[in-house]
Amino acid sequence: MTEKKHRSVILFGEWQRPLGALSLEQKGMLLDALLAYPEGKRPDFTDPMLRMAWTFMEGGLDENARKWEETRQRRACLLYTSPSPRDAH
């Protein structure tokens, strides 16, 4: 099976408070990094605040992607192992 690329990212509400200390410019740079993340692009921030923010954000994104992949695989297994309505007759 070929690996599917993620087409989306989730923004977590828990990020709001720590990101509140950033400037609008820094937040924009993080948004650009988030939008590039599904394409496998990793930011190379020189700003220490952005590096710190990205470290915790990326961990959450990776964990969410892992959980989604597990759910997707579980659903696929159920789809292929569930009896067809035609088999009930």
Protein backbone atom coordinates (compact mmCIF):
# COMPACT_ATOMS: atom_id res chain seq x y z
CA MET A 1 0.00 0.00 0.00
CA THR A 2 1.33 3.41 -0.87
CA GLU A 3 1.65 5.98 1.88
CA LYS A 4 -0.94 8.73 1.70
CA LYS A 5 0.16 12.25 2.42
CA HIS A 6 -1.77 14.16 4.99
CA ARG A 7 -3.71 17.00 3.47
CA SER A 8 -4.52 18.80 6.67
CA VAL A 9 -3.23 19.86 10.06
CA ILE A 10 -5.11 20.44 13.27
CA LEU A 11 -4.69 23.57 15.34
CA PHE A 12 -4.91 22.82 19.04
CA GLY A 13 -6.62 25.33 21.33
CA GLU A 14 -3.99 24.67 23.97
CA TRP A 15 -1.50 26.46 21.73
CA GLN A 16 -3.32 29.79 22.03
CA ARG A 17 -1.90 30.84 25.36
CA PRO A 18 1.80 30.09 24.71
CA LEU A 19 1.61 31.54 21.20
CA GLY A 20 0.01 34.71 22.56
CA ALA A 21 3.47 36.01 23.47
CA LEU A 22 4.58 35.96 19.82
CA SER A 23 4.36 38.88 17.42
CA LEU A 24 1.99 38.75 14.46
CA GLU A 25 5.00 38.25 12.20
CA GLN A 26 6.15 35.24 14.23
CA LYS A 27 2.63 33.79 14.21
CA GLY A 28 2.52 34.22 10.44
CA MET A 29 5.79 32.34 10.08
CA LEU A 30 4.37 29.51 12.19
CA LEU A 31 1.22 29.46 10.06
CA ASP A 32 3.34 29.14 6.91
CA ALA A 33 5.23 26.25 8.54
CA LEU A 34 1.96 24.55 9.53
CA LEU A 35 0.59 24.82 6.00
CA ALA A 36 3.79 23.33 4.55
CA TYR A 37 3.90 20.53 7.14
CA PRO A 38 1.55 18.10 5.28
CA GLU A 39 3.96 18.27 2.32
CA GLY A 40 6.78 17.05 4.55
CA LYS A 41 8.50 20.41 4.78
CA ARG A 42 10.17 21.24 8.10
CA PRO A 43 10.90 24.86 9.01
CA ASP A 44 14.42 26.02 9.75
CA PHE A 45 13.68 28.80 12.20
CA THR A 46 16.57 30.96 13.40
CA ASP A 47 14.38 32.74 15.95
CA PRO A 48 14.70 30.84 19.25
CA MET A 49 11.06 31.58 20.18
CA LEU A 50 9.86 30.05 16.91
CA ARG A 51 12.13 27.02 17.33
CA MET A 52 10.71 26.45 20.81
CA ALA A 53 7.12 26.90 19.65
CA TRP A 54 7.59 24.60 16.67
CA THR A 55 9.10 21.90 18.88
CA PHE A 56 5.93 21.48 20.94
CA MET A 57 3.63 22.06 17.97
CA GLU A 58 5.35 19.45 15.82
CA GLY A 59 5.12 16.90 18.63
CA GLY A 60 1.35 17.39 18.81
CA LEU A 61 1.00 17.21 15.03
CA ASP A 62 3.03 14.00 14.84
CA GLU A 63 1.03 12.39 17.64
CA ASN A 64 -2.24 13.36 15.97
CA ALA A 65 -1.05 11.96 12.63
CA ARG A 66 -0.02 8.70 14.32
CA LYS A 67 -3.43 8.35 16.00
CA TRP A 68 -5.25 9.11 12.75
CA GLU A 69 -3.21 6.47 10.90
CA GLU A 70 -4.11 3.88 13.55
CA THR A 71 -7.80 4.81 13.26
CA ARG A 72 -7.66 4.69 9.47
CA GLN A 73 -6.05 1.25 9.48
CA ARG A 74 -8.53 -0.06 12.05
CA ARG A 75 -11.43 1.17 9.91
CA ALA A 76 -9.94 -0.39 6.79
CA CYS A 77 -9.62 -3.74 8.58
CA LEU A 78 -13.24 -3.56 9.68
CA LEU A 79 -14.35 -2.71 6.18
CA TYR A 80 -12.56 -5.69 4.67
CA THR A 81 -13.46 -8.19 7.41
CA SER A 82 -17.11 -7.26 7.96
CA PRO A 83 -19.60 -9.53 6.25
CA SER A 84 -21.32 -8.08 3.26
CA PRO A 85 -25.12 -7.57 3.50
CA ARG A 86 -25.32 -9.94 0.51
CA ASP A 87 -23.68 -12.68 2.60
CA ALA A 88 -26.52 -12.58 5.12
CA HIS A 89 -29.03 -14.04 2.61
